[in-house]
């Protein structure tokens, strides 16, 4: 079984309905959001799960506070990286992991989704803390 098929099978076993996007990446709906799995090199047992639009940066808001929150979250949660997208309009999150067989893929994917499932709440909470500290 190739890498893409393994990821599709893994997500199906976890109860999701994976599909392929126009770039050939695996995507699926998770907590009412579309997540992506970047397959990368087919020979390497490494994956990136991408959660775009963890948060939207409002037009009247400076992205500086989002950068601060992303930096804090990335340093505290080493498995997950949060970052302001290049358009400065949104915050995305990713989880990278290696796996060595189908069982470890399943375990790591489950763990990645658990961490990403907390991303929105954690970002909102940390962002609110920074915004309230700035207003004091």
C-alpha atoms as a PDB file:
ATOM      1  CA  UNK A   1       0.000   0.000   0.000  1.00  0.00           C
ATOM      2  CA  UNK A   2       1.422   3.424  -0.887  1.00  0.00           C
ATOM      3  CA  UNK A   3       1.682   6.341   1.516  1.00  0.00           C
ATOM      4  CA  UNK A   4      -1.420   8.165   0.276  1.00  0.00           C
ATOM      5  CA  UNK A   5      -3.537   5.009   0.530  1.00  0.00           C
ATOM      6  CA  UNK A   6      -2.231   4.398   4.059  1.00  0.00           C
ATOM      7  CA  UNK A   7      -3.261   7.904   5.118  1.00  0.00           C
ATOM      8  CA  UNK A   8      -6.691   7.519   3.513  1.00  0.00           C
ATOM      9  CA  UNK A   9      -7.170   4.161   5.252  1.00  0.00           C
ATOM     10  CA  UNK A  10      -5.981   5.574   8.587  1.00  0.00           C
ATOM     11  CA  UNK A  11      -8.418   8.488   8.441  1.00  0.00           C
ATOM     12  CA  UNK A  12     -11.239   6.143   7.446  1.00  0.00           C
ATOM     13  CA  UNK A  13     -10.451   3.935  10.448  1.00  0.00           C
ATOM     14  CA  UNK A  14     -10.679   7.032  12.651  1.00  0.00           C
ATOM     15  CA  UNK A  15     -14.161   7.732  11.270  1.00  0.00           C
ATOM     16  CA  UNK A  16     -13.379  10.503   8.774  1.00  0.00           C
ATOM     17  CA  UNK A  17     -14.214  10.650   5.058  1.00  0.00           C
ATOM     18  CA  UNK A  18     -10.904  11.491   3.379  1.00  0.00           C
ATOM     19  CA  UNK A  19     -10.685  12.712  -0.202  1.00  0.00           C
ATOM     20  CA  UNK A  20      -7.998  14.097  -2.497  1.00  0.00           C
ATOM     21  CA  UNK A  21      -7.800  17.807  -3.298  1.00  0.00           C
ATOM     22  CA  UNK A  22      -6.640  19.315  -6.595  1.00  0.00           C
ATOM     23  CA  UNK A  23      -2.986  19.173  -5.437  1.00  0.00           C
ATOM     24  CA  UNK A  24      -3.236  15.490  -4.588  1.00  0.00           C
ATOM     25  CA  UNK A  25      -3.142  16.130  -0.838  1.00  0.00           C
ATOM     26  CA  UNK A  26      -5.488  14.220   1.392  1.00  0.00           C
ATOM     27  CA  UNK A  27      -8.192  16.382   2.964  1.00  0.00           C
ATOM     28  CA  UNK A  28     -11.032  15.685   5.372  1.00  0.00           C
ATOM     29  CA  UNK A  29     -13.539  17.503   7.547  1.00  0.00           C
ATOM     30  CA  UNK A  30     -12.578  17.793  11.206  1.00  0.00           C
ATOM     31  CA  UNK A  31     -14.656  19.810  13.674  1.00  0.00           C
ATOM     32  CA  UNK A  32     -16.488  21.450  10.761  1.00  0.00           C
ATOM     33  CA  UNK A  33     -13.187  22.592   9.194  1.00  0.00           C
ATOM     34  CA  UNK A  34     -11.265  21.189   6.250  1.00  0.00           C
ATOM     35  CA  UNK A  35      -7.883  19.802   7.275  1.00  0.00           C
ATOM     36  CA  UNK A  36      -5.164  18.661   4.889  1.00  0.00           C
ATOM     37  CA  UNK A  37      -2.453  16.033   5.056  1.00  0.00           C
ATOM     38  CA  UNK A  38       0.592  16.962   3.028  1.00  0.00           C
ATOM     39  CA  UNK A  39       1.977  13.677   1.772  1.00  0.00           C
ATOM     40  CA  UNK A  40       5.364  14.997   0.614  1.00  0.00           C
ATOM     41  CA  UNK A  41       8.024  12.535  -0.493  1.00  0.00           C
ATOM     42  CA  UNK A  42       6.413   9.143  -1.048  1.00  0.00           C
ATOM     43  CA  UNK A  43       9.520   7.329   0.263  1.00  0.00           C
ATOM     44  CA  UNK A  44       9.742   9.227   3.550  1.00  0.00           C
ATOM     45  CA  UNK A  45       7.566   8.158   6.479  1.00  0.00           C
ATOM     46  CA  UNK A  46       6.791  11.737   7.462  1.00  0.00           C
ATOM     47  CA  UNK A  47       3.523  13.693   7.317  1.00  0.00           C
ATOM     48  CA  UNK A  48       2.243  17.188   7.983  1.00  0.00           C
ATOM     49  CA  UNK A  49      -1.358  17.727   9.073  1.00  0.00           C
ATOM     50  CA  UNK A  50      -2.446  21.265   8.187  1.00  0.00           C
ATOM     51  CA  UNK A  51      -5.232  23.185   9.917  1.00  0.00           C
ATOM     52  CA  UNK A  52      -5.799  26.407   7.942  1.00  0.00           C
ATOM     53  CA  UNK A  53      -7.833  29.249   9.394  1.00  0.00           C
ATOM     54  CA  UNK A  54      -7.391  28.461  13.070  1.00  0.00           C
ATOM     55  CA  UNK A  55      -8.243  32.138  13.447  1.00  0.00           C
ATOM     56  CA  UNK A  56      -8.917  35.073  11.164  1.00  0.00           C
ATOM     57  CA  UNK A  57      -7.083  38.351  11.713  1.00  0.00           C
ATOM     58  CA  UNK A  58      -9.594  41.193  11.528  1.00  0.00           C
ATOM     59  CA  UNK A  59      -8.917  44.076   9.148  1.00  0.00           C
ATOM     60  CA  UNK A  60      -8.889  46.591  11.994  1.00  0.00           C
ATOM     61  CA  UNK A  61      -6.450  44.493  14.026  1.00  0.00           C
ATOM     62  CA  UNK A  62      -2.674  44.506  13.776  1.00  0.00           C
ATOM     63  CA  UNK A  63      -1.220  41.048  13.140  1.00  0.00           C
ATOM     64  CA  UNK A  64       1.358  41.734  15.892  1.00  0.00           C
ATOM     65  CA  UNK A  65      -0.810  40.180  18.599  1.00  0.00           C
ATOM     66  CA  UNK A  66      -1.357  37.094  16.418  1.00  0.00           C
ATOM     67  CA  UNK A  67       2.423  36.765  15.962  1.00  0.00           C
ATOM     68  CA  UNK A  68       2.900  36.944  19.737  1.00  0.00           C
ATOM     69  CA  UNK A  69       0.253  34.288  20.387  1.00  0.00           C
ATOM     70  CA  UNK A  70       1.636  32.023  17.645  1.00  0.00           C
ATOM     71  CA  UNK A  71       5.124  32.311  19.106  1.00  0.00           C
ATOM     72  CA  UNK A  72       3.847  31.464  22.583  1.00  0.00           C
ATOM     73  CA  UNK A  73       1.797  28.489  21.390  1.00  0.00           C
ATOM     74  CA  UNK A  74       4.625  27.080  19.273  1.00  0.00           C
ATOM     75  CA  UNK A  75       7.074  27.326  22.160  1.00  0.00           C
ATOM     76  CA  UNK A  76       4.671  25.757  24.669  1.00  0.00           C
ATOM     77  CA  UNK A  77       3.332  23.006  22.399  1.00  0.00           C
ATOM     78  CA  UNK A  78       6.354  21.662  20.615  1.00  0.00           C
ATOM     79  CA  UNK A  79       4.368  19.216  18.524  1.00  0.00           C
ATOM     80  CA  UNK A  80       2.152  21.907  16.970  1.00  0.00           C
ATOM     81  CA  UNK A  81       3.344  24.940  15.058  1.00  0.00           C
ATOM     82  CA  UNK A  82       1.078  27.969  14.731  1.00  0.00           C
ATOM     83  CA  UNK A  83       1.913  30.808  12.390  1.00  0.00           C
ATOM     84  CA  UNK A  84       0.451  33.828  10.675  1.00  0.00           C
ATOM     85  CA  UNK A  85      -0.089  33.031   6.996  1.00  0.00           C
ATOM     86  CA  UNK A  86       1.837  35.066   4.424  1.00  0.00           C
ATOM     87  CA  UNK A  87      -1.272  37.113   3.563  1.00  0.00           C
ATOM     88  CA  UNK A  88      -1.437  38.329   7.217  1.00  0.00           C
ATOM     89  CA  UNK A  89      -5.155  37.517   7.198  1.00  0.00           C
ATOM     90  CA  UNK A  90      -5.244  34.254   9.120  1.00  0.00           C
ATOM     91  CA  UNK A  91      -3.498  31.940  11.556  1.00  0.00           C
ATOM     92  CA  UNK A  92      -2.754  28.349  10.519  1.00  0.00           C
ATOM     93  CA  UNK A  93      -1.495  25.382  12.519  1.00  0.00           C
ATOM     94  CA  UNK A  94       0.432  22.269  11.567  1.00  0.00           C
ATOM     95  CA  UNK A  95       1.542  19.061  13.219  1.00  0.00           C
ATOM     96  CA  UNK A  96       4.458  17.118  11.748  1.00  0.00           C
ATOM     97  CA  UNK A  97       5.245  13.538  12.641  1.00  0.00           C
ATOM     98  CA  UNK A  98       7.134  10.445  11.584  1.00  0.00           C
ATOM     99  CA  UNK A  99       5.583   6.999  11.600  1.00  0.00           C
ATOM    100  CA  UNK A 100       7.054   3.549  11.018  1.00  0.00           C
ATOM    101  CA  UNK A 101       4.045   1.342  10.263  1.00  0.00           C
ATOM    102  CA  UNK A 102       0.252   1.487   9.966  1.00  0.00           C
ATOM    103  CA  UNK A 103      -0.278   1.238  13.736  1.00  0.00           C
ATOM    104  CA  UNK A 104       2.100   4.091  14.505  1.00  0.00           C
ATOM    105  CA  UNK A 105       0.483   6.139  11.720  1.00  0.00           C
ATOM    106  CA  UNK A 106      -2.896   5.614  13.368  1.00  0.00           C
ATOM    107  CA  UNK A 107      -1.593   6.545  16.842  1.00  0.00           C
ATOM    108  CA  UNK A 108       0.285   9.611  15.614  1.00  0.00           C
ATOM    109  CA  UNK A 109      -2.636  10.812  13.505  1.00  0.00           C
ATOM    110  CA  UNK A 110      -4.989  10.437  16.451  1.00  0.00           C
ATOM    111  CA  UNK A 111      -2.581  12.404  18.650  1.00  0.00           C
ATOM    112  CA  UNK A 112      -2.097  15.089  15.989  1.00  0.00           C
ATOM    113  CA  UNK A 113      -5.855  15.559  15.689  1.00  0.00           C
ATOM    114  CA  UNK A 114      -6.219  15.786  19.462  1.00  0.00           C
ATOM    115  CA  UNK A 115      -3.622  18.564  19.570  1.00  0.00           C
ATOM    116  CA  UNK A 116      -5.079  20.382  16.549  1.00  0.00           C
ATOM    117  CA  UNK A 117      -8.557  20.065  18.054  1.00  0.00           C
ATOM    118  CA  UNK A 118      -7.423  22.351  20.874  1.00  0.00           C
ATOM    119  CA  UNK A 119      -5.754  24.905  18.582  1.00  0.00           C
ATOM    120  CA  UNK A 120      -8.702  27.275  18.090  1.00  0.00           C
ATOM    121  CA  UNK A 121      -9.630  27.409  21.757  1.00  0.00           C
ATOM    122  CA  UNK A 122      -6.006  27.850  22.845  1.00  0.00           C
ATOM    123  CA  UNK A 123      -5.375  30.599  20.303  1.00  0.00           C
ATOM    124  CA  UNK A 124      -8.555  32.471  21.253  1.00  0.00           C
ATOM    125  CA  UNK A 125      -7.779  32.254  24.966  1.00  0.00           C
ATOM    126  CA  UNK A 126      -4.177  33.427  24.567  1.00  0.00           C
ATOM    127  CA  UNK A 127      -5.198  36.172  22.150  1.00  0.00           C
ATOM    128  CA  UNK A 128      -7.831  37.455  24.583  1.00  0.00           C
ATOM    129  CA  UNK A 129      -5.234  37.538  27.370  1.00  0.00           C
ATOM    130  CA  UNK A 130      -2.877  39.629  25.263  1.00  0.00           C
ATOM    131  CA  UNK A 131      -5.616  41.982  24.102  1.00  0.00           C
ATOM    132  CA  UNK A 132      -6.892  42.536  27.650  1.00  0.00           C
ATOM    133  CA  UNK A 133      -3.334  43.125  28.909  1.00  0.00           C
ATOM    134  CA  UNK A 134      -2.814  45.722  26.158  1.00  0.00           C
ATOM    135  CA  UNK A 135      -5.981  47.561  27.140  1.00  0.00           C
ATOM    136  CA  UNK A 136      -4.930  47.834  30.795  1.00  0.00           C
END
